[in-house]
Amino acid sequence: FPEYFFRKRVHRIERRVPTIDAVKDAVELI
């Protein structure tokens, strides 16, 4: 196995950012 397969991996659980249009639609509905 290549050594790089065993390098430390950090999986970033990123917060998905709402789009401007989606927020606009939601606000208009509310």
Full PDB file with SEQRES, HELIX, SHEET, SSBOND, CRYST1, ORIGX, SCALE, CONECT and MASTER records, all heavy atoms in Angstrom:
SEQRES   1 A   30  PHE PRO GLU TYR PHE PHE ARG LYS ARG VAL HIS ARG ILE          
SEQRES   2 A   30  GLU ARG ARG VAL PRO THR ILE ASP ALA VAL LYS ASP ALA          
SEQRES   3 A   30  VAL GLU LEU ILE                                              
HELIX    1 AA1 GLU A    3  PHE A    6  5                                   4    
HELIX    2 AA2 ILE A   20  LEU A   29  1                                  10    
CRYST1    1.000    1.000    1.000  90.00  90.00  90.00 P 1           1          
ORIGX1      1.000000  0.000000  0.000000        0.00000                         
ORIGX2      0.000000  1.000000  0.000000        0.00000                         
ORIGX3      0.000000  0.000000  1.000000        0.00000                         
SCALE1      1.000000  0.000000  0.000000        0.00000                         
SCALE2      0.000000  1.000000  0.000000        0.00000                         
SCALE3      0.000000  0.000000  1.000000        0.00000                         
ATOM      1  N   PHE A   1       0.839  -1.205   0.000  1.00  0.00           N  
ATOM      2  CA  PHE A   1       0.000   0.000   0.000  1.00  0.00           C  
ATOM      3  C   PHE A   1       0.874   1.255   0.000  1.00  0.00           C  
ATOM      4  O   PHE A   1       1.881   1.314   0.726  1.00  0.00           O  
ATOM      5  CB  PHE A   1      -0.901   0.028   1.235  1.00  0.00           C  
ATOM      6  CG  PHE A   1      -1.988  -1.006   1.223  1.00  0.00           C  
ATOM      7  CD1 PHE A   1      -1.778  -2.274   1.759  1.00  0.00           C  
ATOM      8  CD2 PHE A   1      -3.234  -0.714   0.681  1.00  0.00           C  
ATOM      9  CE1 PHE A   1      -2.783  -3.232   1.747  1.00  0.00           C  
ATOM     10  CE2 PHE A   1      -4.248  -1.663   0.665  1.00  0.00           C  
ATOM     11  CZ  PHE A   1      -4.025  -2.926   1.200  1.00  0.00           C  
ATOM     12  N   PRO A   2       0.513   2.257  -0.791  1.00  0.00           N  
ATOM     13  CA  PRO A   2       1.285   3.504  -0.766  1.00  0.00           C  
ATOM     14  C   PRO A   2       1.146   4.191   0.590  1.00  0.00           C  
ATOM     15  O   PRO A   2       0.068   4.194   1.201  1.00  0.00           O  
ATOM     16  CB  PRO A   2       0.645   4.341  -1.877  1.00  0.00           C  
ATOM     17  CG  PRO A   2      -0.726   3.788  -2.033  1.00  0.00           C  
ATOM     18  CD  PRO A   2      -0.622   2.325  -1.730  1.00  0.00           C  
ATOM     19  N   GLU A   3       2.226   4.757   1.065  1.00  0.00           N  
ATOM     20  CA  GLU A   3       2.220   5.395   2.380  1.00  0.00           C  
ATOM     21  C   GLU A   3       1.197   6.521   2.463  1.00  0.00           C  
ATOM     22  O   GLU A   3       0.621   6.770   3.520  1.00  0.00           O  
ATOM     23  CB  GLU A   3       3.617   5.931   2.721  1.00  0.00           C  
ATOM     24  CG  GLU A   3       4.552   4.884   3.281  1.00  0.00           C  
ATOM     25  CD  GLU A   3       5.809   5.495   3.876  1.00  0.00           C  
ATOM     26  OE1 GLU A   3       6.029   6.723   3.684  1.00  0.00           O  
ATOM     27  OE2 GLU A   3       6.570   4.760   4.522  1.00  0.00           O  
ATOM     28  N   TYR A   4       0.963   7.204   1.337  1.00  0.00           N  
ATOM     29  CA  TYR A   4       0.054   8.347   1.409  1.00  0.00           C  
ATOM     30  C   TYR A   4      -1.392   7.946   1.705  1.00  0.00           C  
ATOM     31  O   TYR A   4      -2.197   8.776   2.105  1.00  0.00           O  
ATOM     32  CB  TYR A   4       0.139   9.205   0.140  1.00  0.00           C  
ATOM     33  CG  TYR A   4      -0.172   8.521  -1.171  1.00  0.00           C  
ATOM     34  CD1 TYR A   4      -1.474   8.220  -1.550  1.00  0.00           C  
ATOM     35  CD2 TYR A   4       0.852   8.212  -2.072  1.00  0.00           C  
ATOM     36  CE1 TYR A   4      -1.758   7.617  -2.767  1.00  0.00           C  
ATOM     37  CE2 TYR A   4       0.584   7.602  -3.293  1.00  0.00           C  
ATOM     38  CZ  TYR A   4      -0.733   7.310  -3.639  1.00  0.00           C  
ATOM     39  OH  TYR A   4      -1.021   6.707  -4.842  1.00  0.00           O  
ATOM     40  N   PHE A   5      -1.703   6.660   1.533  1.00  0.00           N  
ATOM     41  CA  PHE A   5      -3.044   6.194   1.905  1.00  0.00           C  
ATOM     42  C   PHE A   5      -3.259   6.302   3.416  1.00  0.00           C  
ATOM     43  O   PHE A   5      -4.389   6.432   3.883  1.00  0.00           O  
ATOM     44  CB  PHE A   5      -3.226   4.750   1.436  1.00  0.00           C  
ATOM     45  CG  PHE A   5      -4.548   4.127   1.804  1.00  0.00           C  
ATOM     46  CD1 PHE A   5      -5.755   4.703   1.412  1.00  0.00           C  
ATOM     47  CD2 PHE A   5      -4.588   2.959   2.561  1.00  0.00           C  
ATOM     48  CE1 PHE A   5      -6.973   4.128   1.749  1.00  0.00           C  
ATOM     49  CE2 PHE A   5      -5.797   2.371   2.900  1.00  0.00           C  
ATOM     50  CZ  PHE A   5      -6.995   2.960   2.501  1.00  0.00           C  
ATOM     51  N   PHE A   6      -2.165   6.299   4.181  1.00  0.00           N  
ATOM     52  CA  PHE A   6      -2.267   6.300   5.640  1.00  0.00           C  
ATOM     53  C   PHE A   6      -1.957   7.664   6.264  1.00  0.00           C  
ATOM     54  O   PHE A   6      -1.795   7.770   7.482  1.00  0.00           O  
ATOM     55  CB  PHE A   6      -1.323   5.245   6.228  1.00  0.00           C  
ATOM     56  CG  PHE A   6      -1.574   3.868   5.673  1.00  0.00           C  
ATOM     57  CD1 PHE A   6      -0.650   3.271   4.817  1.00  0.00           C  
ATOM     58  CD2 PHE A   6      -2.736   3.183   5.973  1.00  0.00           C  
ATOM     59  CE1 PHE A   6      -0.874   2.003   4.296  1.00  0.00           C  
ATOM     60  CE2 PHE A   6      -2.976   1.917   5.448  1.00  0.00           C  
ATOM     61  CZ  PHE A   6      -2.048   1.328   4.601  1.00  0.00           C  
ATOM     62  N   ARG A   7      -1.887   8.681   5.440  1.00  0.00           N  
ATOM     63  CA  ARG A   7      -1.703  10.019   6.001  1.00  0.00           C  
ATOM     64  C   ARG A   7      -2.943  10.438   6.793  1.00  0.00           C  
ATOM     65  O   ARG A   7      -4.048   9.976   6.523  1.00  0.00           O  
ATOM     66  CB  ARG A   7      -1.448  11.030   4.885  1.00  0.00           C  
ATOM     67  CG  ARG A   7      -0.121  10.858   4.179  1.00  0.00           C  
ATOM     68  CD  ARG A   7      -0.023  11.809   2.995  1.00  0.00           C  
ATOM     69  NE  ARG A   7       1.194  11.579   2.207  1.00  0.00           N  
ATOM     70  CZ  ARG A   7       1.404  12.073   0.994  1.00  0.00           C  
ATOM     71  NH1 ARG A   7       0.464  12.823   0.418  1.00  0.00           N  
ATOM     72  NH2 ARG A   7       2.521  11.812   0.351  1.00  0.00           N  
ATOM     73  N   LYS A   8      -2.732  11.310   7.729  1.00  0.00           N  
ATOM     74  CA  LYS A   8      -3.855  11.836   8.505  1.00  0.00           C  
ATOM     75  C   LYS A   8      -4.825  12.557   7.580  1.00  0.00           C  
ATOM     76  O   LYS A   8      -4.444  13.420   6.796  1.00  0.00           O  
ATOM     77  CB  LYS A   8      -3.352  12.801   9.576  1.00  0.00           C  
ATOM     78  CG  LYS A   8      -4.463  13.469  10.376  1.00  0.00           C  
ATOM     79  CD  LYS A   8      -3.886  14.417  11.423  1.00  0.00           C  
ATOM     80  CE  LYS A   8      -4.980  15.169  12.155  1.00  0.00           C  
ATOM     81  NZ  LYS A   8      -4.448  16.101  13.182  1.00  0.00           N  
ATOM     82  N   ARG A   9      -6.109  12.180   7.662  1.00  0.00           N  
ATOM     83  CA  ARG A   9      -7.148  12.840   6.874  1.00  0.00           C  
ATOM     84  C   ARG A   9      -8.125  13.531   7.813  1.00  0.00           C  
ATOM     85  O   ARG A   9      -8.645  12.907   8.740  1.00  0.00           O  
ATOM     86  CB  ARG A   9      -7.911  11.832   6.013  1.00  0.00           C  
ATOM     87  CG  ARG A   9      -7.213  11.435   4.733  1.00  0.00           C  
ATOM     88  CD  ARG A   9      -8.086  10.496   3.899  1.00  0.00           C  
ATOM     89  NE  ARG A   9      -7.495  10.249   2.595  1.00  0.00           N  
ATOM     90  CZ  ARG A   9      -6.514   9.395   2.354  1.00  0.00           C  
ATOM     91  NH1 ARG A   9      -6.029   8.685   3.364  1.00  0.00           N  
ATOM     92  NH2 ARG A   9      -6.034   9.224   1.146  1.00  0.00           N  
ATOM     93  N   VAL A  10      -8.381  14.779   7.555  1.00  0.00           N  
ATOM     94  CA  VAL A  10      -9.356  15.542   8.332  1.00  0.00           C  
ATOM     95  C   VAL A  10     -10.555  15.817   7.436  1.00  0.00           C  
ATOM     96  O   VAL A  10     -10.445  16.507   6.425  1.00  0.00           O  
ATOM     97  CB  VAL A  10      -8.761  16.864   8.858  1.00  0.00           C  
ATOM     98  CG1 VAL A  10      -9.812  17.618   9.673  1.00  0.00           C  
ATOM     99  CG2 VAL A  10      -7.516  16.599   9.699  1.00  0.00           C  
ATOM    100  N   HIS A  11     -11.676  15.245   7.793  1.00  0.00           N  
ATOM    101  CA  HIS A  11     -12.908  15.421   7.033  1.00  0.00           C  
ATOM    102  C   HIS A  11     -13.683  16.576   7.660  1.00  0.00           C  
ATOM    103  O   HIS A  11     -14.191  16.447   8.777  1.00  0.00           O  
ATOM    104  CB  HIS A  11     -13.734  14.136   7.051  1.00  0.00           C  
ATOM    105  CG  HIS A  11     -12.964  12.922   6.617  1.00  0.00           C  
ATOM    106  ND1 HIS A  11     -12.874  12.528   5.298  1.00  0.00           N  
ATOM    107  CD2 HIS A  11     -12.215  12.035   7.332  1.00  0.00           C  
ATOM    108  CE1 HIS A  11     -12.132  11.444   5.218  1.00  0.00           C  
ATOM    109  NE2 HIS A  11     -11.713  11.122   6.430  1.00  0.00           N  
ATOM    110  N   ARG A  12     -13.728  17.672   6.952  1.00  0.00           N  
ATOM    111  CA  ARG A  12     -14.405  18.850   7.493  1.00  0.00           C  
ATOM    112  C   ARG A  12     -15.902  18.741   7.229  1.00  0.00           C  
ATOM    113  O   ARG A  12     -16.346  18.646   6.081  1.00  0.00           O  
ATOM    114  CB  ARG A  12     -13.844  20.128   6.864  1.00  0.00           C  
ATOM    115  CG  ARG A  12     -14.401  21.415   7.497  1.00  0.00           C  
ATOM    116  CD  ARG A  12     -13.712  22.648   6.957  1.00  0.00           C  
ATOM    117  NE  ARG A  12     -12.326  22.716   7.400  1.00  0.00           N  
ATOM    118  CZ  ARG A  12     -11.286  22.585   6.579  1.00  0.00           C  
ATOM    119  NH1 ARG A  12     -11.476  22.375   5.281  1.00  0.00           N  
ATOM    120  NH2 ARG A  12     -10.064  22.659   7.050  1.00  0.00           N  
ATOM    121  N   ILE A  13     -16.686  18.700   8.295  1.00  0.00           N  
ATOM    122  CA  ILE A  13     -18.144  18.715   8.160  1.00  0.00           C  
ATOM    123  C   ILE A  13     -18.563  20.175   8.070  1.00  0.00           C  
ATOM    124  O   ILE A  13     -18.625  20.888   9.074  1.00  0.00           O  
ATOM    125  CB  ILE A  13     -18.820  18.001   9.348  1.00  0.00           C  
ATOM    126  CG1 ILE A  13     -18.337  16.551   9.422  1.00  0.00           C  
ATOM    127  CG2 ILE A  13     -20.338  18.053   9.214  1.00  0.00           C  
ATOM    128  CD1 ILE A  13     -18.891  15.765  10.596  1.00  0.00           C  
ATOM    129  N   GLU A  14     -18.787  20.599   6.844  1.00  0.00           N  
ATOM    130  CA  GLU A  14     -19.023  22.019   6.608  1.00  0.00           C  
ATOM    131  C   GLU A  14     -20.515  22.346   6.669  1.00  0.00           C  
ATOM    132  O   GLU A  14     -21.362  21.552   6.251  1.00  0.00           O  
ATOM    133  CB  GLU A  14     -18.453  22.422   5.251  1.00  0.00           C  
ATOM    134  CG  GLU A  14     -16.936  22.283   5.185  1.00  0.00           C  
ATOM    135  CD  GLU A  14     -16.363  22.727   3.848  1.00  0.00           C  
ATOM    136  OE1 GLU A  14     -17.094  22.612   2.835  1.00  0.00           O  
ATOM    137  OE2 GLU A  14     -15.215  23.182   3.818  1.00  0.00           O  
ATOM    138  N   ARG A  15     -20.806  23.500   7.189  1.00  0.00           N  
ATOM    139  CA  ARG A  15     -22.181  23.982   7.219  1.00  0.00           C  
ATOM    140  C   ARG A  15     -22.540  24.521   5.831  1.00  0.00           C  
ATOM    141  O   ARG A  15     -21.877  25.425   5.321  1.00  0.00           O  
ATOM    142  CB  ARG A  15     -22.347  25.086   8.262  1.00  0.00           C  
ATOM    143  CG  ARG A  15     -22.109  24.634   9.696  1.00  0.00           C  
ATOM    144  CD  ARG A  15     -22.401  25.770  10.662  1.00  0.00           C  
ATOM    145  NE  ARG A  15     -22.199  25.396  12.046  1.00  0.00           N  
ATOM    146  CZ  ARG A  15     -23.107  24.809  12.812  1.00  0.00           C  
ATOM    147  NH1 ARG A  15     -24.291  24.505  12.283  1.00  0.00           N  
ATOM    148  NH2 ARG A  15     -22.859  24.521  14.073  1.00  0.00           N  
ATOM    149  N   ARG A  16     -23.581  23.966   5.237  1.00  0.00           N  
ATOM    150  CA  ARG A  16     -24.000  24.417   3.918  1.00  0.00           C  
ATOM    151  C   ARG A  16     -24.684  25.773   4.042  1.00  0.00           C  
ATOM    152  O   ARG A  16     -25.656  25.938   4.787  1.00  0.00           O  
ATOM    153  CB  ARG A  16     -24.938  23.406   3.276  1.00  0.00           C  
ATOM    154  CG  ARG A  16     -25.350  23.768   1.858  1.00  0.00           C  
ATOM    155  CD  ARG A  16     -26.016  22.614   1.140  1.00  0.00           C  
ATOM    156  NE  ARG A  16     -26.443  22.986  -0.197  1.00  0.00           N  
ATOM    157  CZ  ARG A  16     -26.919  22.136  -1.101  1.00  0.00           C  
ATOM    158  NH1 ARG A  16     -27.022  20.848  -0.800  1.00  0.00           N  
ATOM    159  NH2 ARG A  16     -27.283  22.543  -2.298  1.00  0.00           N  
ATOM    160  N   VAL A  17     -24.204  26.740   3.292  1.00  0.00           N  
ATOM    161  CA  VAL A  17     -24.703  28.117   3.376  1.00  0.00           C  
ATOM    162  C   VAL A  17     -25.962  28.260   2.515  1.00  0.00           C  
ATOM    163  O   VAL A  17     -25.988  27.807   1.369  1.00  0.00           O  
ATOM    164  CB  VAL A  17     -23.623  29.108   2.899  1.00  0.00           C  
ATOM    165  CG1 VAL A  17     -24.138  30.544   2.970  1.00  0.00           C  
ATOM    166  CG2 VAL A  17     -22.351  28.944   3.730  1.00  0.00           C  
ATOM    167  N   PRO A  18     -27.008  28.885   3.058  1.00  0.00           N  
ATOM    168  CA  PRO A  18     -28.213  29.087   2.243  1.00  0.00           C  
ATOM    169  C   PRO A  18     -27.965  30.095   1.134  1.00  0.00           C  
ATOM    170  O   PRO A  18     -27.216  31.070   1.324  1.00  0.00           O  
ATOM    171  CB  PRO A  18     -29.239  29.610   3.258  1.00  0.00           C  
ATOM    172  CG  PRO A  18     -28.415  30.261   4.324  1.00  0.00           C  
ATOM    173  CD  PRO A  18     -27.157  29.447   4.416  1.00  0.00           C  
ATOM    174  N   THR A  19     -28.587  29.896  -0.002  1.00  0.00           N  
ATOM    175  CA  THR A  19     -28.420  30.852  -1.099  1.00  0.00           C  
ATOM    176  C   THR A  19     -29.275  32.093  -0.843  1.00  0.00           C  
ATOM    177  O   THR A  19     -30.279  32.050  -0.119  1.00  0.00           O  
ATOM    178  CB  THR A  19     -28.836  30.232  -2.438  1.00  0.00           C  
ATOM    179  OG1 THR A  19     -30.248  29.968  -2.419  1.00  0.00           O  
ATOM    180  CG2 THR A  19     -28.071  28.943  -2.707  1.00  0.00           C  
ATOM    181  N   ILE A  20     -28.883  33.182  -1.458  1.00  0.00           N  
ATOM    182  CA  ILE A  20     -29.617  34.443  -1.307  1.00  0.00           C  
ATOM    183  C   ILE A  20     -31.047  34.291  -1.808  1.00  0.00           C  
ATOM    184  O   ILE A  20     -32.007  34.753  -1.166  1.00  0.00           O  
ATOM    185  CB  ILE A  20     -28.890  35.582  -2.061  1.00  0.00           C  
ATOM    186  CG1 ILE A  20     -27.527  35.858  -1.404  1.00  0.00           C  
ATOM    187  CG2 ILE A  20     -29.744  36.837  -2.097  1.00  0.00           C  
ATOM    188  CD1 ILE A  20     -26.671  36.832  -2.176  1.00  0.00           C  
ATOM    189  N   ASP A  21     -31.209  33.613  -2.947  1.00  0.00           N  
ATOM    190  CA  ASP A  21     -32.550  33.454  -3.517  1.00  0.00           C  
ATOM    191  C   ASP A  21     -33.444  32.591  -2.639  1.00  0.00           C  
ATOM    192  O   ASP A  21     -34.639  32.866  -2.489  1.00  0.00           O  
ATOM    193  CB  ASP A  21     -32.459  32.846  -4.915  1.00  0.00           C  
ATOM    194  CG  ASP A  21     -31.920  33.828  -5.940  1.00  0.00           C  
ATOM    195  OD1 ASP A  21     -31.960  35.049  -5.658  1.00  0.00           O  
ATOM    196  OD2 ASP A  21     -31.455  33.387  -7.003  1.00  0.00           O  
ATOM    197  N   ALA A  22     -32.874  31.540  -2.066  1.00  0.00           N  
ATOM    198  CA  ALA A  22     -33.672  30.665  -1.198  1.00  0.00           C  
ATOM    199  C   ALA A  22     -34.143  31.418   0.038  1.00  0.00           C  
ATOM    200  O   ALA A  22     -35.308  31.290   0.458  1.00  0.00           O  
ATOM    201  CB  ALA A  22     -32.862  29.443  -0.792  1.00  0.00           C  
ATOM    202  N   VAL A  23     -33.272  32.209   0.624  1.00  0.00           N  
ATOM    203  CA  VAL A  23     -33.651  33.005   1.799  1.00  0.00           C  
ATOM    204  C   VAL A  23     -34.714  34.029   1.424  1.00  0.00           C  
ATOM    205  O   VAL A  23     -35.691  34.242   2.158  1.00  0.00           O  
ATOM    206  CB  VAL A  23     -32.413  33.695   2.406  1.00  0.00           C  
ATOM    207  CG1 VAL A  23     -32.819  34.673   3.502  1.00  0.00           C  
ATOM    208  CG2 VAL A  23     -31.440  32.657   2.956  1.00  0.00           C  
ATOM    209  N   LYS A  24     -34.558  34.630   0.265  1.00  0.00           N  
ATOM    210  CA  LYS A  24     -35.534  35.619  -0.199  1.00  0.00           C  
ATOM    211  C   LYS A  24     -36.914  34.989  -0.357  1.00  0.00           C  
ATOM    212  O   LYS A  24     -37.926  35.556   0.071  1.00  0.00           O  
ATOM    213  CB  LYS A  24     -35.067  36.210  -1.535  1.00  0.00           C  
ATOM    214  CG  LYS A  24     -36.007  37.260  -2.121  1.00  0.00           C  
ATOM    215  CD  LYS A  24     -35.462  37.772  -3.448  1.00  0.00           C  
ATOM    216  CE  LYS A  24     -36.436  38.774  -4.076  1.00  0.00           C  
ATOM    217  NZ  LYS A  24     -35.941  39.255  -5.390  1.00  0.00           N  
ATOM    218  N   ASP A  25     -36.973  33.797  -0.969  1.00  0.00           N  
ATOM    219  CA  ASP A  25     -38.249  33.101  -1.145  1.00  0.00           C  
ATOM    220  C   ASP A  25     -38.874  32.753   0.198  1.00  0.00           C  
ATOM    221  O   ASP A  25     -40.095  32.891   0.391  1.00  0.00           O  
ATOM    222  CB  ASP A  25     -38.044  31.815  -1.955  1.00  0.00           C  
ATOM    223  CG  ASP A  25     -37.703  32.088  -3.411  1.00  0.00           C  
ATOM    224  OD1 ASP A  25     -37.906  33.237  -3.868  1.00  0.00           O  
ATOM    225  OD2 ASP A  25     -37.226  31.150  -4.085  1.00  0.00           O  
ATOM    226  N   ALA A  26     -38.043  32.302   1.128  1.00  0.00           N  
ATOM    227  CA  ALA A  26     -38.549  31.915   2.445  1.00  0.00           C  
ATOM    228  C   ALA A  26     -39.100  33.117   3.200  1.00  0.00           C  
ATOM    229  O   ALA A  26     -40.169  33.044   3.818  1.00  0.00           O  
ATOM    230  CB  ALA A  26     -37.432  31.250   3.250  1.00  0.00           C  
ATOM    231  N   VAL A  27     -38.387  34.213   3.149  1.00  0.00           N  
ATOM    232  CA  VAL A  27     -38.827  35.422   3.852  1.00  0.00           C  
ATOM    233  C   VAL A  27     -40.139  35.936   3.260  1.00  0.00           C  
ATOM    234  O   VAL A  27     -41.056  36.344   3.989  1.00  0.00           O  
ATOM    235  CB  VAL A  27     -37.735  36.514   3.795  1.00  0.00           C  
ATOM    236  CG1 VAL A  27     -38.274  37.857   4.281  1.00  0.00           C  
ATOM    237  CG2 VAL A  27     -36.534  36.086   4.630  1.00  0.00           C  
ATOM    238  N   GLU A  28     -40.248  35.895   1.962  1.00  0.00           N  
ATOM    239  CA  GLU A  28     -41.473  36.352   1.316  1.00  0.00           C  
ATOM    240  C   GLU A  28     -42.660  35.482   1.741  1.00  0.00           C  
ATOM    241  O   GLU A  28     -43.768  35.994   1.964  1.00  0.00           O  
ATOM    242  CB  GLU A  28     -41.311  36.300  -0.200  1.00  0.00           C  
ATOM    243  CG  GLU A  28     -42.549  36.694  -0.997  1.00  0.00           C  
ATOM    244  CD  GLU A  28     -43.068  38.088  -0.677  1.00  0.00           C  
ATOM    245  OE1 GLU A  28     -42.273  38.958  -0.267  1.00  0.00           O  
ATOM    246  OE2 GLU A  28     -44.292  38.302  -0.817  1.00  0.00           O  
ATOM    247  N   LEU A  29     -42.432  34.188   1.865  1.00  0.00           N  
ATOM    248  CA  LEU A  29     -43.507  33.297   2.305  1.00  0.00           C  
ATOM    249  C   LEU A  29     -43.885  33.572   3.757  1.00  0.00           C  
ATOM    250  O   LEU A  29     -45.073  33.696   4.090  1.00  0.00           O  
ATOM    251  CB  LEU A  29     -43.062  31.837   2.149  1.00  0.00           C  
ATOM    252  CG  LEU A  29     -44.046  30.764   2.646  1.00  0.00           C  
ATOM    253  CD1 LEU A  29     -45.371  30.849   1.894  1.00  0.00           C  
ATOM    254  CD2 LEU A  29     -43.430  29.376   2.507  1.00  0.00           C  
ATOM    255  N   ILE A  30     -42.909  33.677   4.628  1.00  0.00           N  
ATOM    256  CA  ILE A  30     -43.189  33.924   6.050  1.00  0.00           C  
ATOM    257  C   ILE A  30     -43.908  35.253   6.229  1.00  0.00           C  
ATOM    258  O   ILE A  30     -44.847  35.379   7.035  1.00  0.00           O  
ATOM    259  CB  ILE A  30     -41.886  33.894   6.873  1.00  0.00           C  
ATOM    260  CG1 ILE A  30     -41.259  32.491   6.822  1.00  0.00           C  
ATOM    261  CG2 ILE A  30     -42.148  34.304   8.322  1.00  0.00           C  
ATOM    262  CD1 ILE A  30     -39.873  32.408   7.429  1.00  0.00           C  
TER     263      ILE A  30                                                      
MASTER        0    0    0    2    0    0    0    6  262    1    0    3          
END                                                                             
